[in-house]
């Protein structure tokens, strides 16, 4: 055990450090209250949220992020690249999925007409087979 030199204070124990920190926080709060003219500690305590387990929070976060929808969209893009005719892939690509409708951007009106008139049923069937009929119910083609 080291003996501190004469005139210096001994180092604080962890419990003493914690007590000193708490006293500093309380002194700060008292000073702020005096400066503000009002004690906000009761309101701040009421606004604090209680700690929650991650298992309670995570489902809500995942729902807000809509990961299931994003997963379906990425799945549709992968299926599109793997199963569609390379000519179709070169001129059209899925852009989004909303309420069972896959929105597909096409690069020209000629290809838009080709896909809508002659290939729409084939594309819909391939997508439904790959990701499910409840996920993909119809197609919407747009130039862009």
N, C-alpha and C. Protein backbone atom coordinates (compact mmCIF):
# COMPACT_ATOMS: atom_id res chain seq x y z
N UNK A 1 0.84 -1.17 0.00
CA UNK A 1 0.00 0.00 0.00
C UNK A 1 0.89 1.24 0.00
N UNK A 2 0.58 2.14 -0.91
CA UNK A 2 1.38 3.36 -1.01
C UNK A 2 0.89 4.40 -0.01
N UNK A 3 1.83 5.10 0.51
CA UNK A 3 1.52 6.19 1.43
C UNK A 3 1.61 7.47 0.64
N UNK A 4 0.53 8.29 0.63
CA UNK A 4 0.59 9.53 -0.15
C UNK A 4 1.57 10.51 0.46
N UNK A 5 2.22 11.30 -0.39
CA UNK A 5 3.14 12.30 0.13
C UNK A 5 2.42 13.29 1.04
N UNK A 6 3.17 13.91 1.90
CA UNK A 6 2.61 14.86 2.87
C UNK A 6 1.99 16.04 2.13
N UNK A 7 0.79 16.43 2.54
CA UNK A 7 0.13 17.58 1.94
C UNK A 7 -0.82 17.21 0.81
N UNK A 8 -0.85 15.97 0.35
CA UNK A 8 -1.77 15.59 -0.73
C UNK A 8 -2.88 14.73 -0.13
N UNK A 9 -3.99 14.65 -0.85
CA UNK A 9 -5.12 13.86 -0.37
C UNK A 9 -5.01 12.45 -0.92
N UNK A 10 -5.46 11.46 -0.17
CA UNK A 10 -5.41 10.08 -0.66
C UNK A 10 -6.39 9.90 -1.82
N UNK A 11 -6.13 8.96 -2.71
CA UNK A 11 -7.05 8.73 -3.83
C UNK A 11 -8.41 8.25 -3.32
N UNK A 12 -9.46 8.60 -4.06
CA UNK A 12 -10.81 8.23 -3.66
C UNK A 12 -11.12 6.78 -4.04
N UNK A 13 -11.90 6.13 -3.23
CA UNK A 13 -12.37 4.78 -3.55
C UNK A 13 -13.51 4.93 -4.56
N UNK A 14 -13.86 3.85 -5.25
CA UNK A 14 -14.98 3.95 -6.20
C UNK A 14 -16.28 4.43 -5.55
N UNK A 15 -16.56 3.99 -4.36
CA UNK A 15 -17.79 4.42 -3.68
C UNK A 15 -17.73 5.92 -3.37
N UNK A 16 -16.55 6.40 -2.97
CA UNK A 16 -16.40 7.83 -2.68
C UNK A 16 -16.52 8.66 -3.96
N UNK A 17 -15.96 8.14 -5.05
CA UNK A 17 -16.07 8.85 -6.33
C UNK A 17 -17.53 8.96 -6.77
N UNK A 18 -18.28 7.87 -6.59
CA UNK A 18 -19.69 7.87 -6.98
C UNK A 18 -20.48 8.86 -6.12
N UNK A 19 -20.18 8.89 -4.83
CA UNK A 19 -20.86 9.82 -3.93
C UNK A 19 -20.54 11.27 -4.30
N UNK A 20 -19.28 11.54 -4.65
CA UNK A 20 -18.87 12.89 -5.04
C UNK A 20 -19.55 13.30 -6.34
N UNK A 21 -19.66 12.37 -7.29
CA UNK A 21 -20.32 12.67 -8.56
C UNK A 21 -21.79 12.99 -8.34
N UNK A 22 -22.44 12.20 -7.47
CA UNK A 22 -23.85 12.44 -7.17
C UNK A 22 -24.03 13.80 -6.52
N UNK A 23 -23.15 14.15 -5.60
CA UNK A 23 -23.22 15.46 -4.95
C UNK A 23 -23.04 16.57 -5.97
N UNK A 24 -22.15 16.36 -6.96
CA UNK A 24 -21.93 17.35 -8.01
C UNK A 24 -23.17 17.53 -8.87
N UNK A 25 -23.86 16.43 -9.18
CA UNK A 25 -25.08 16.50 -9.98
C UNK A 25 -26.16 17.23 -9.20
N UNK A 26 -26.28 16.92 -7.92
CA UNK A 26 -27.28 17.60 -7.09
C UNK A 26 -26.99 19.09 -6.97
N UNK A 27 -25.71 19.45 -6.83
CA UNK A 27 -25.34 20.87 -6.74
C UNK A 27 -25.67 21.57 -8.04
N UNK A 28 -25.43 20.91 -9.16
CA UNK A 28 -25.74 21.49 -10.47
C UNK A 28 -27.24 21.71 -10.60
N UNK A 29 -28.03 20.73 -10.19
CA UNK A 29 -29.48 20.85 -10.27
C UNK A 29 -29.99 22.00 -9.39
N UNK A 30 -29.46 22.12 -8.19
CA UNK A 30 -29.86 23.22 -7.30
C UNK A 30 -29.52 24.57 -7.93
N UNK A 31 -28.34 24.68 -8.53
CA UNK A 31 -27.92 25.94 -9.16
C UNK A 31 -28.83 26.28 -10.33
N UNK A 32 -29.15 25.31 -11.17
CA UNK A 32 -30.05 25.54 -12.31
C UNK A 32 -31.44 25.94 -11.84
N UNK A 33 -31.93 25.28 -10.81
CA UNK A 33 -33.25 25.62 -10.28
C UNK A 33 -33.29 27.05 -9.77
N UNK A 34 -32.23 27.46 -9.07
CA UNK A 34 -32.18 28.83 -8.56
C UNK A 34 -32.12 29.82 -9.71
N UNK A 35 -31.36 29.50 -10.73
CA UNK A 35 -31.22 30.39 -11.88
C UNK A 35 -32.52 30.50 -12.66
N UNK A 36 -33.21 29.35 -12.86
CA UNK A 36 -34.47 29.33 -13.60
C UNK A 36 -35.62 29.90 -12.77
N UNK A 37 -35.54 29.76 -11.48
CA UNK A 37 -36.62 30.21 -10.62
C UNK A 37 -37.71 29.17 -10.47
N UNK A 38 -37.46 27.96 -10.93
CA UNK A 38 -38.46 26.90 -10.83
C UNK A 38 -37.73 25.56 -10.75
N UNK A 39 -38.31 24.62 -10.03
CA UNK A 39 -37.71 23.30 -9.90
C UNK A 39 -38.35 22.37 -10.93
N UNK A 40 -37.58 21.95 -11.93
CA UNK A 40 -38.08 21.10 -13.00
C UNK A 40 -37.85 19.61 -12.74
N UNK A 41 -37.22 19.26 -11.65
CA UNK A 41 -36.91 17.85 -11.39
C UNK A 41 -38.14 16.94 -11.39
N UNK A 42 -39.27 17.34 -10.79
CA UNK A 42 -40.44 16.44 -10.83
C UNK A 42 -40.94 16.20 -12.26
N UNK A 43 -40.94 17.26 -13.09
CA UNK A 43 -41.38 17.08 -14.49
C UNK A 43 -40.39 16.22 -15.26
N UNK A 44 -39.11 16.43 -15.07
CA UNK A 44 -38.10 15.63 -15.75
C UNK A 44 -38.21 14.16 -15.35
N UNK A 45 -38.46 13.91 -14.08
CA UNK A 45 -38.62 12.53 -13.61
C UNK A 45 -39.85 11.89 -14.24
N UNK A 46 -40.93 12.64 -14.38
CA UNK A 46 -42.15 12.11 -14.98
C UNK A 46 -41.97 11.81 -16.46
N UNK A 47 -41.13 12.60 -17.13
CA UNK A 47 -40.93 12.41 -18.57
C UNK A 47 -39.96 11.28 -18.89
N UNK A 48 -39.16 10.87 -17.92
CA UNK A 48 -38.21 9.78 -18.16
C UNK A 48 -38.96 8.51 -18.45
N UNK A 49 -38.48 7.80 -19.42
CA UNK A 49 -39.10 6.52 -19.75
C UNK A 49 -38.41 5.41 -18.98
N UNK A 50 -39.20 4.46 -18.58
CA UNK A 50 -38.64 3.31 -17.87
C UNK A 50 -37.86 2.44 -18.85
N UNK A 51 -36.84 1.80 -18.37
CA UNK A 51 -36.07 0.90 -19.21
C UNK A 51 -36.96 -0.26 -19.65
N UNK A 52 -36.79 -0.65 -20.90
CA UNK A 52 -37.57 -1.77 -21.44
C UNK A 52 -36.62 -2.81 -22.00
N UNK A 53 -37.07 -4.02 -21.99
CA UNK A 53 -36.28 -5.11 -22.55
C UNK A 53 -36.26 -4.99 -24.07
N UNK A 54 -35.17 -5.40 -24.67
CA UNK A 54 -35.05 -5.36 -26.13
C UNK A 54 -36.13 -6.19 -26.80
N UNK A 55 -36.50 -7.30 -26.19
CA UNK A 55 -37.53 -8.16 -26.76
C UNK A 55 -38.89 -7.46 -26.82
N UNK A 56 -39.10 -6.46 -25.96
CA UNK A 56 -40.35 -5.69 -26.00
C UNK A 56 -40.31 -4.61 -27.07
N UNK A 57 -39.14 -4.08 -27.34
CA UNK A 57 -38.99 -2.96 -28.27
C UNK A 57 -38.83 -3.42 -29.72
N UNK A 58 -38.10 -4.49 -29.94
CA UNK A 58 -37.70 -4.91 -31.27
C UNK A 58 -38.86 -5.16 -32.24
N UNK A 59 -39.94 -5.86 -31.86
CA UNK A 59 -41.03 -6.06 -32.82
C UNK A 59 -41.62 -4.75 -33.34
N UNK A 60 -41.76 -3.76 -32.45
CA UNK A 60 -42.30 -2.47 -32.87
C UNK A 60 -41.36 -1.76 -33.82
N UNK A 61 -40.07 -1.84 -33.55
CA UNK A 61 -39.07 -1.21 -34.43
C UNK A 61 -39.10 -1.85 -35.81
N UNK A 62 -39.14 -3.17 -35.85
CA UNK A 62 -39.17 -3.88 -37.13
C UNK A 62 -40.43 -3.55 -37.92
N UNK A 63 -41.54 -3.39 -37.22
CA UNK A 63 -42.78 -3.02 -37.90
C UNK A 63 -42.66 -1.62 -38.50
N UNK A 64 -42.09 -0.69 -37.73
CA UNK A 64 -41.93 0.68 -38.23
C UNK A 64 -40.98 0.75 -39.41
N UNK A 65 -39.96 -0.08 -39.42
CA UNK A 65 -39.00 -0.08 -40.53
C UNK A 65 -39.56 -0.77 -41.77
N UNK A 66 -40.64 -1.49 -41.61
CA UNK A 66 -41.29 -2.24 -42.70
C UNK A 66 -40.31 -3.16 -43.42
N UNK A 67 -39.57 -3.90 -42.63
CA UNK A 67 -38.56 -4.80 -43.19
C UNK A 67 -39.19 -5.91 -44.01
N UNK A 68 -40.39 -6.36 -43.64
CA UNK A 68 -41.03 -7.41 -44.41
C UNK A 68 -41.33 -6.93 -45.84
N UNK A 69 -41.76 -5.68 -45.97
CA UNK A 69 -42.03 -5.11 -47.30
C UNK A 69 -40.73 -4.96 -48.08
N UNK A 70 -39.70 -4.47 -47.41
CA UNK A 70 -38.42 -4.27 -48.09
C UNK A 70 -37.82 -5.62 -48.51
N UNK A 71 -38.03 -6.62 -47.69
CA UNK A 71 -37.53 -7.94 -48.05
C UNK A 71 -38.26 -8.46 -49.29
N UNK A 72 -39.57 -8.24 -49.36
CA UNK A 72 -40.34 -8.64 -50.53
C UNK A 72 -39.87 -7.91 -51.77
N UNK A 73 -39.60 -6.61 -51.63
CA UNK A 73 -39.11 -5.84 -52.77
C UNK A 73 -37.77 -6.37 -53.27
N UNK A 74 -36.86 -6.65 -52.36
CA UNK A 74 -35.55 -7.15 -52.78
C UNK A 74 -35.68 -8.55 -53.37
N UNK A 75 -36.61 -9.33 -52.84
CA UNK A 75 -36.85 -10.67 -53.37
C UNK A 75 -37.38 -10.58 -54.80
N UNK A 76 -38.27 -9.63 -55.06
CA UNK A 76 -38.82 -9.45 -56.40
C UNK A 76 -37.72 -9.04 -57.38
N UNK A 77 -36.82 -8.17 -56.95
CA UNK A 77 -35.72 -7.76 -57.82
C UNK A 77 -34.83 -8.94 -58.16
N UNK A 78 -34.53 -9.78 -57.17
CA UNK A 78 -33.71 -10.97 -57.43
C UNK A 78 -34.41 -11.93 -58.38
N UNK A 79 -35.69 -12.17 -58.16
CA UNK A 79 -36.45 -13.06 -59.04
C UNK A 79 -36.49 -12.48 -60.45
N UNK A 80 -36.64 -11.18 -60.54
CA UNK A 80 -36.68 -10.51 -61.85
C UNK A 80 -35.39 -10.77 -62.62
N UNK A 81 -34.27 -10.61 -61.95
CA UNK A 81 -32.98 -10.79 -62.61
C UNK A 81 -32.74 -12.24 -63.02
N UNK A 82 -33.20 -13.19 -62.18
CA UNK A 82 -32.94 -14.61 -62.44
C UNK A 82 -33.89 -15.24 -63.45
N UNK A 83 -35.17 -14.87 -63.41
CA UNK A 83 -36.15 -15.63 -64.18
C UNK A 83 -36.66 -14.94 -65.44
N UNK A 84 -36.51 -13.66 -65.55
CA UNK A 84 -37.05 -12.96 -66.73
C UNK A 84 -36.12 -13.10 -67.93
N UNK A 85 -36.72 -12.96 -69.07
CA UNK A 85 -35.99 -12.96 -70.33
C UNK A 85 -34.97 -11.81 -70.29
N UNK A 86 -33.72 -12.07 -70.71
CA UNK A 86 -32.70 -11.00 -70.68
C UNK A 86 -33.10 -9.73 -71.45
N UNK A 87 -33.91 -9.87 -72.50
CA UNK A 87 -34.38 -8.68 -73.22
C UNK A 87 -35.30 -7.84 -72.34
N UNK A 88 -36.14 -8.50 -71.57
CA UNK A 88 -37.04 -7.77 -70.67
C UNK A 88 -36.21 -7.08 -69.58
N UNK A 89 -35.24 -7.81 -69.02
CA UNK A 89 -34.38 -7.25 -67.97
C UNK A 89 -33.61 -6.04 -68.49
N UNK A 90 -33.22 -6.05 -69.76
CA UNK A 90 -32.46 -4.95 -70.34
C UNK A 90 -33.31 -3.69 -70.49
N UNK A 91 -34.63 -3.83 -70.59
CA UNK A 91 -35.49 -2.68 -70.87
C UNK A 91 -36.49 -2.34 -69.77
N UNK A 92 -36.60 -3.18 -68.74
CA UNK A 92 -37.56 -2.91 -67.67
C UNK A 92 -37.02 -3.45 -66.35
N UNK A 93 -37.44 -2.80 -65.25
CA UNK A 93 -37.04 -3.28 -63.93
C UNK A 93 -38.08 -2.86 -62.89
N UNK A 94 -38.30 -3.71 -61.89
CA UNK A 94 -39.26 -3.36 -60.84
C UNK A 94 -38.70 -2.24 -59.96
N UNK A 95 -39.55 -1.28 -59.61
CA UNK A 95 -39.10 -0.16 -58.80
C UNK A 95 -39.66 -0.19 -57.38
N UNK A 96 -40.88 -0.69 -57.22
CA UNK A 96 -41.45 -0.75 -55.87
C UNK A 96 -42.61 -1.73 -55.81
N UNK A 97 -43.04 -1.98 -54.58
CA UNK A 97 -44.16 -2.86 -54.31
C UNK A 97 -45.06 -2.16 -53.32
N UNK A 98 -46.34 -2.02 -53.66
CA UNK A 98 -47.28 -1.38 -52.75
C UNK A 98 -48.65 -2.05 -52.86
N UNK A 99 -49.15 -2.55 -51.74
CA UNK A 99 -50.47 -3.16 -51.67
C UNK A 99 -50.68 -4.23 -52.73
N UNK A 100 -49.68 -5.06 -52.94
CA UNK A 100 -49.80 -6.16 -53.89
C UNK A 100 -49.53 -5.81 -55.34
N UNK A 101 -49.21 -4.56 -55.61
CA UNK A 101 -48.92 -4.12 -56.98
C UNK A 101 -47.43 -3.89 -57.14
N UNK A 102 -46.86 -4.52 -58.14
CA UNK A 102 -45.44 -4.31 -58.46
C UNK A 102 -45.39 -3.23 -59.54
N UNK A 103 -44.67 -2.16 -59.24
CA UNK A 103 -44.51 -1.07 -60.21
C UNK A 103 -43.22 -1.31 -60.98
N UNK A 104 -43.34 -1.29 -62.30
CA UNK A 104 -42.22 -1.62 -63.18
C UNK A 104 -41.94 -0.45 -64.10
N UNK A 105 -40.68 -0.01 -64.11
CA UNK A 105 -40.27 1.08 -65.01
C UNK A 105 -39.75 0.48 -66.30
N UNK A 106 -40.19 1.05 -67.41
CA UNK A 106 -39.81 0.58 -68.74
C UNK A 106 -39.13 1.75 -69.46
N UNK A 107 -38.10 1.44 -70.26
CA UNK A 107 -37.31 2.53 -70.86
C UNK A 107 -37.89 3.15 -72.12
N UNK A 108 -38.92 2.57 -72.74
CA UNK A 108 -39.49 3.18 -73.94
C UNK A 108 -40.95 2.76 -74.09
N UNK A 109 -41.67 3.53 -74.88
CA UNK A 109 -43.09 3.23 -75.10
C UNK A 109 -43.26 1.94 -75.91
N UNK A 110 -42.30 1.63 -76.75
CA UNK A 110 -42.36 0.39 -77.53
C UNK A 110 -42.32 -0.81 -76.59
N UNK A 111 -41.39 -0.79 -75.65
CA UNK A 111 -41.29 -1.89 -74.69
C UNK A 111 -42.48 -1.90 -73.74
N UNK A 112 -42.98 -0.73 -73.40
CA UNK A 112 -44.17 -0.66 -72.54
C UNK A 112 -45.33 -1.39 -73.22
N UNK A 113 -45.54 -1.10 -74.49
CA UNK A 113 -46.60 -1.75 -75.24
C UNK A 113 -46.38 -3.26 -75.33
N UNK A 114 -45.16 -3.68 -75.61
CA UNK A 114 -44.82 -5.10 -75.69
C UNK A 114 -45.14 -5.82 -74.38
N UNK A 115 -44.72 -5.24 -73.29
CA UNK A 115 -44.91 -5.89 -71.99
C UNK A 115 -46.37 -5.92 -71.58
N UNK A 116 -47.09 -4.83 -71.78
CA UNK A 116 -48.48 -4.76 -71.37
C UNK A 116 -49.34 -5.69 -72.22
N UNK A 117 -49.11 -5.69 -73.52
CA UNK A 117 -49.96 -6.48 -74.42
C UNK A 117 -49.63 -7.97 -74.44
N UNK A 118 -48.34 -8.29 -74.46
CA UNK A 118 -47.97 -9.68 -74.75
C UNK A 118 -47.27 -10.41 -73.60
N UNK A 119 -46.68 -9.71 -72.68
CA UNK A 119 -45.86 -10.38 -71.67
C UNK A 119 -46.35 -10.21 -70.24
N UNK A 120 -47.39 -9.45 -70.03
CA UNK A 120 -47.85 -9.14 -68.68
C UNK A 120 -48.23 -10.40 -67.90
N UNK A 121 -49.01 -11.28 -68.50
CA UNK A 121 -49.45 -12.50 -67.81
C UNK A 121 -48.25 -13.38 -67.45
N UNK A 122 -47.32 -13.53 -68.37
CA UNK A 122 -46.12 -14.34 -68.13
C UNK A 122 -45.31 -13.78 -66.96
N UNK A 123 -45.11 -12.47 -66.94
CA UNK A 123 -44.34 -11.82 -65.86
C UNK A 123 -45.06 -12.00 -64.53
N UNK A 124 -46.36 -11.76 -64.51
CA UNK A 124 -47.14 -11.90 -63.28
C UNK A 124 -47.07 -13.32 -62.74
N UNK A 125 -47.21 -14.30 -63.60
CA UNK A 125 -47.16 -15.70 -63.16
C UNK A 125 -45.80 -16.06 -62.58
N UNK A 126 -44.72 -15.60 -63.22
CA UNK A 126 -43.37 -15.90 -62.71
C UNK A 126 -43.15 -15.27 -61.33
N UNK A 127 -43.58 -14.02 -61.17
CA UNK A 127 -43.41 -13.35 -59.89
C UNK A 127 -44.27 -13.99 -58.80
N UNK A 128 -45.51 -14.34 -59.14
CA UNK A 128 -46.38 -14.99 -58.16
C UNK A 128 -45.85 -16.36 -57.76
N UNK A 129 -45.31 -17.09 -58.70
CA UNK A 129 -44.75 -18.40 -58.40
C UNK A 129 -43.55 -18.27 -57.46
N UNK A 130 -42.76 -17.24 -57.65
CA UNK A 130 -41.54 -17.07 -56.85
C UNK A 130 -41.80 -16.49 -55.46
N UNK A 131 -42.66 -15.48 -55.35
CA UNK A 131 -42.84 -14.81 -54.06
C UNK A 131 -44.22 -14.96 -53.46
N UNK A 132 -45.16 -15.51 -54.19
CA UNK A 132 -46.49 -15.76 -53.66
C UNK A 132 -47.56 -14.85 -54.24
N UNK A 133 -48.77 -15.42 -54.37
CA UNK A 133 -49.88 -14.66 -54.95
C UNK A 133 -50.38 -13.55 -54.03
N UNK A 134 -50.21 -13.72 -52.72
CA UNK A 134 -50.65 -12.66 -51.80
C UNK A 134 -49.71 -11.47 -51.82
N UNK A 135 -48.46 -11.69 -52.18
CA UNK A 135 -47.49 -10.59 -52.24
C UNK A 135 -47.62 -9.82 -53.56
N UNK A 136 -47.75 -10.55 -54.67
CA UNK A 136 -47.86 -9.93 -55.99
C UNK A 136 -49.22 -10.25 -56.57
N UNK A 137 -50.07 -9.23 -56.67
CA UNK A 137 -51.42 -9.43 -57.19
C UNK A 137 -51.60 -8.85 -58.59
N UNK A 138 -50.89 -7.76 -58.86
CA UNK A 138 -50.99 -7.16 -60.20
C UNK A 138 -49.73 -6.37 -60.51
N UNK A 139 -49.61 -5.97 -61.78
CA UNK A 139 -48.45 -5.24 -62.25
C UNK A 139 -48.89 -3.87 -62.77
N UNK A 140 -48.03 -2.90 -62.62
CA UNK A 140 -48.28 -1.57 -63.16
C UNK A 140 -47.00 -1.12 -63.87
N UNK A 141 -47.13 -0.85 -65.16
CA UNK A 141 -45.96 -0.46 -65.97
C UNK A 141 -45.97 1.04 -66.18
N UNK A 142 -44.79 1.63 -66.13
CA UNK A 142 -44.62 3.06 -66.35
C UNK A 142 -43.35 3.33 -67.14
N UNK A 143 -43.37 4.37 -67.92
CA UNK A 143 -42.15 4.76 -68.63
C UNK A 143 -41.30 5.57 -67.66
N UNK A 144 -40.04 5.22 -67.60
CA UNK A 144 -39.16 5.98 -66.71
C UNK A 144 -37.96 5.27 -66.41
